[in-house]
C-alpha cells in the first residue's frame, strides 16, 4: 500500500433539529427532489435514476453553491433506507468531498420529527481544506436553525420561505 502524497484532513459536525411534522411527512423532504419544496435556491439536475425517484445510487448535480468559485457539484445518494428513516449523500468536486448523513426519528406521542444531520468533509487539496472549513462554518453558522425554520415554514404553509440572500 502506498502512503498518500497529500496529507488529507477530515472535519465533521452534527446538529439535531426539530420539525413540526410526522416522520412520514418530514423524511421525504431530505431527498433531492422534495428538498426543492423548502430549500431556497436548490435546483438539482438528475443525472441517473432508474426510477425517476429518490433511490440509492441516484446521481445528480448542482451548480455554483456557497460562492467559493466551484461550479459543479456531483452528488450521489450513497445510502437510502426509508424504513430506517436514514439518508446519506456523498458530494464531490475536484478539490474535496463530503458526506451528509440524515437520521430522522419521530418524537413519541407528538407529531414532531427530530433530524440528526452530520456533515463530514475531506480535503483533496490545500484549497479543499480551506473550502471545507469555510463551508462547515457557514452551514452551521446558525446550527442549522435556518433549515429548521425553512422546513417548518413549508410544513405549516406549503410554501417555500423566501430568503433575501
Protein backbone atom coordinates (compact mmCIF):
# COMPACT_ATOMS: atom_id res chain seq x y z
CA UNK A 1 0.00 0.00 0.00
CA UNK A 2 1.34 3.42 -0.95
CA UNK A 3 1.43 6.26 1.55
CA UNK A 4 -0.66 9.20 0.28
CA UNK A 5 1.43 12.07 -1.08
CA UNK A 6 -1.10 14.60 0.16
CA UNK A 7 -1.97 14.70 3.87
CA UNK A 8 -5.75 14.80 3.69
CA UNK A 9 -7.72 16.17 6.62
CA UNK A 10 -11.26 15.41 7.75
CA UNK A 11 -13.62 17.64 9.73
CA UNK A 12 -17.15 16.93 10.90
CA UNK A 13 -20.08 18.50 12.72
CA UNK A 14 -23.53 17.26 13.80
CA UNK A 15 -26.70 19.08 14.76
CA UNK A 16 -30.22 17.86 15.59
CA UNK A 17 -33.21 19.93 14.53
CA UNK A 18 -36.87 19.52 15.49
CA UNK A 19 -39.51 19.64 12.78
CA UNK A 20 -43.23 20.15 13.23
CA UNK A 21 -44.49 17.22 11.23
CA UNK A 22 -44.82 13.47 11.30
CA UNK A 23 -41.92 11.28 10.26
CA UNK A 24 -43.78 10.15 7.12
CA UNK A 25 -44.18 13.80 6.02
CA UNK A 26 -40.74 15.04 7.07
CA UNK A 27 -38.30 12.33 5.96
CA UNK A 28 -39.03 12.68 2.21
CA UNK A 29 -38.17 16.41 2.42
CA UNK A 30 -34.49 15.47 2.76
CA UNK A 31 -34.47 13.82 -0.68
CA UNK A 32 -33.04 15.86 -3.57
CA UNK A 33 -36.39 16.29 -5.32
CA UNK A 34 -38.60 17.20 -2.33
CA UNK A 35 -35.89 19.50 -0.95
CA UNK A 36 -36.80 21.89 -3.78
CA UNK A 37 -40.09 22.48 -1.93
CA UNK A 38 -38.39 24.14 1.05
CA UNK A 39 -34.76 25.00 0.22
CA UNK A 40 -34.40 28.37 -1.43
CA UNK A 41 -32.08 28.17 -4.45
CA UNK A 42 -31.95 24.35 -4.50
CA UNK A 43 -32.21 23.09 -8.08
CA UNK A 44 -30.59 19.69 -8.69
CA UNK A 45 -30.24 18.18 -12.15
CA UNK A 46 -30.80 14.43 -12.15
CA UNK A 47 -28.04 12.56 -13.97
CA UNK A 48 -29.00 9.00 -13.16
CA UNK A 49 -32.00 7.33 -11.57
CA UNK A 50 -33.57 4.02 -12.54
CA UNK A 51 -36.95 5.03 -11.14
CA UNK A 52 -37.04 8.84 -11.54
CA UNK A 53 -37.46 8.95 -7.77
CA UNK A 54 -35.08 9.03 -4.82
CA UNK A 55 -33.13 5.80 -4.66
CA UNK A 56 -29.76 4.54 -3.50
CA UNK A 57 -27.02 5.38 -6.04
CA UNK A 58 -29.08 8.13 -7.68
CA UNK A 59 -26.69 10.72 -9.16
CA UNK A 60 -27.39 14.41 -9.60
CA UNK A 61 -25.50 17.66 -9.95
CA UNK A 62 -25.86 21.17 -8.65
CA UNK A 63 -24.21 24.32 -9.93
CA UNK A 64 -22.41 27.09 -8.08
CA UNK A 65 -23.12 26.78 -4.39
CA UNK A 66 -21.68 28.76 -1.48
CA UNK A 67 -19.75 31.14 -3.76
CA UNK A 68 -16.30 29.56 -3.47
CA UNK A 69 -15.57 29.50 -7.20
CA UNK A 70 -16.50 25.86 -7.57
CA UNK A 71 -19.07 25.49 -10.30
CA UNK A 72 -20.09 21.84 -10.37
CA UNK A 73 -21.01 19.55 -7.53
CA UNK A 74 -21.68 15.88 -8.14
CA UNK A 75 -23.95 14.20 -5.61
CA UNK A 76 -24.66 10.52 -5.02
CA UNK A 77 -27.40 9.19 -2.78
CA UNK A 78 -24.96 6.84 -1.10
CA UNK A 79 -27.43 5.46 1.48
CA UNK A 80 -31.18 5.40 1.22
CA UNK A 81 -33.01 3.44 3.88
CA UNK A 82 -36.56 4.80 4.13
CA UNK A 83 -37.65 2.06 6.57
CA UNK A 84 -34.95 3.30 8.94
CA UNK A 85 -35.56 6.97 8.03
CA UNK A 86 -31.92 7.34 7.03
CA UNK A 87 -30.43 9.07 4.01
CA UNK A 88 -26.79 9.66 3.16
CA UNK A 89 -25.14 11.67 0.42
CA UNK A 90 -21.63 11.77 -0.96
CA UNK A 91 -20.74 15.03 -2.71
CA UNK A 92 -17.55 15.87 -4.54
CA UNK A 93 -15.66 18.43 -6.58
CA UNK A 94 -12.08 18.40 -7.81
CA UNK A 95 -10.86 19.94 -4.51
CA UNK A 96 -12.78 17.96 -1.90
CA UNK A 97 -15.53 15.55 -0.99
CA UNK A 98 -18.01 15.34 1.82
CA UNK A 99 -20.76 13.19 3.18
CA UNK A 100 -24.08 14.23 4.65
CA UNK A 101 -25.90 11.79 6.93
CA UNK A 102 -29.52 12.44 7.91
CA UNK A 103 -31.21 10.29 10.52
CA UNK A 104 -34.84 11.09 11.29
CA UNK A 105 -36.90 9.83 14.21
CA UNK A 106 -40.40 10.64 15.35
CA UNK A 107 -40.86 12.07 18.83
CA UNK A 108 -43.05 9.79 20.91
CA UNK A 109 -46.67 10.94 21.29
CA UNK A 110 -46.19 14.06 19.14
CA UNK A 111 -46.43 14.98 15.51
CA UNK A 112 -42.81 16.17 15.55
CA UNK A 113 -39.71 14.69 13.99
CA UNK A 114 -36.10 15.04 15.05
CA UNK A 115 -33.50 15.07 12.30
CA UNK A 116 -29.85 14.50 13.16
CA UNK A 117 -27.67 15.89 10.38
CA UNK A 118 -23.93 15.27 10.11
CA UNK A 119 -21.58 16.87 7.59
CA UNK A 120 -18.14 15.28 7.22
CA UNK A 121 -15.66 16.96 4.88
CA UNK A 122 -12.42 15.56 3.46
CA UNK A 123 -9.96 17.78 1.62
CA UNK A 124 -8.25 16.54 -1.51
CA UNK A 125 -6.03 19.63 -1.84
CA UNK A 126 -4.92 22.55 0.34
CA UNK A 127 -7.62 24.66 -1.29
CA UNK A 128 -10.11 21.91 -0.48
CA UNK A 129 -9.15 22.09 3.21
CA UNK A 130 -9.82 25.83 3.26
CA UNK A 131 -13.12 25.45 1.43
CA UNK A 132 -14.19 22.68 3.80
CA UNK A 133 -13.66 24.77 6.91
CA UNK A 134 -15.46 27.76 5.35
CA UNK A 135 -18.39 25.58 4.29
CA UNK A 136 -18.68 23.89 7.67
CA UNK A 137 -18.60 27.27 9.42
CA UNK A 138 -21.17 28.71 7.01
CA UNK A 139 -23.57 25.76 7.05
CA UNK A 140 -23.51 25.60 10.84
CA UNK A 141 -23.33 29.37 11.47
CA UNK A 142 -26.89 29.13 12.82
CA UNK A 143 -26.56 25.45 13.85
CA UNK A 144 -28.98 24.50 11.04
CA UNK A 145 -31.72 26.65 12.58
CA UNK A 146 -32.19 28.06 9.07
CA UNK A 147 -33.06 24.54 7.86
CA UNK A 148 -35.41 24.07 10.80
CA UNK A 149 -37.10 27.41 10.08
CA UNK A 150 -37.43 26.75 6.32
CA UNK A 151 -38.77 23.20 6.72
CA UNK A 152 -41.21 24.18 9.47
CA UNK A 153 -42.42 27.10 7.35
CA UNK A 154 -43.02 24.72 4.45
CA UNK A 155 -44.78 22.19 6.69
CA UNK A 156 -47.15 24.84 8.05
CA UNK A 157 -47.81 26.83 4.84
CA UNK A 158 -46.94 24.54 1.92
CA UNK A 159 -44.74 27.35 0.61
CA UNK A 160 -41.02 27.96 0.41
CA UNK A 161 -39.60 30.51 2.83
CA UNK A 162 -38.12 33.31 0.74
CA UNK A 163 -34.53 34.23 1.50
CA UNK A 164 -33.15 37.64 0.55
CA UNK A 165 -29.52 36.45 0.47
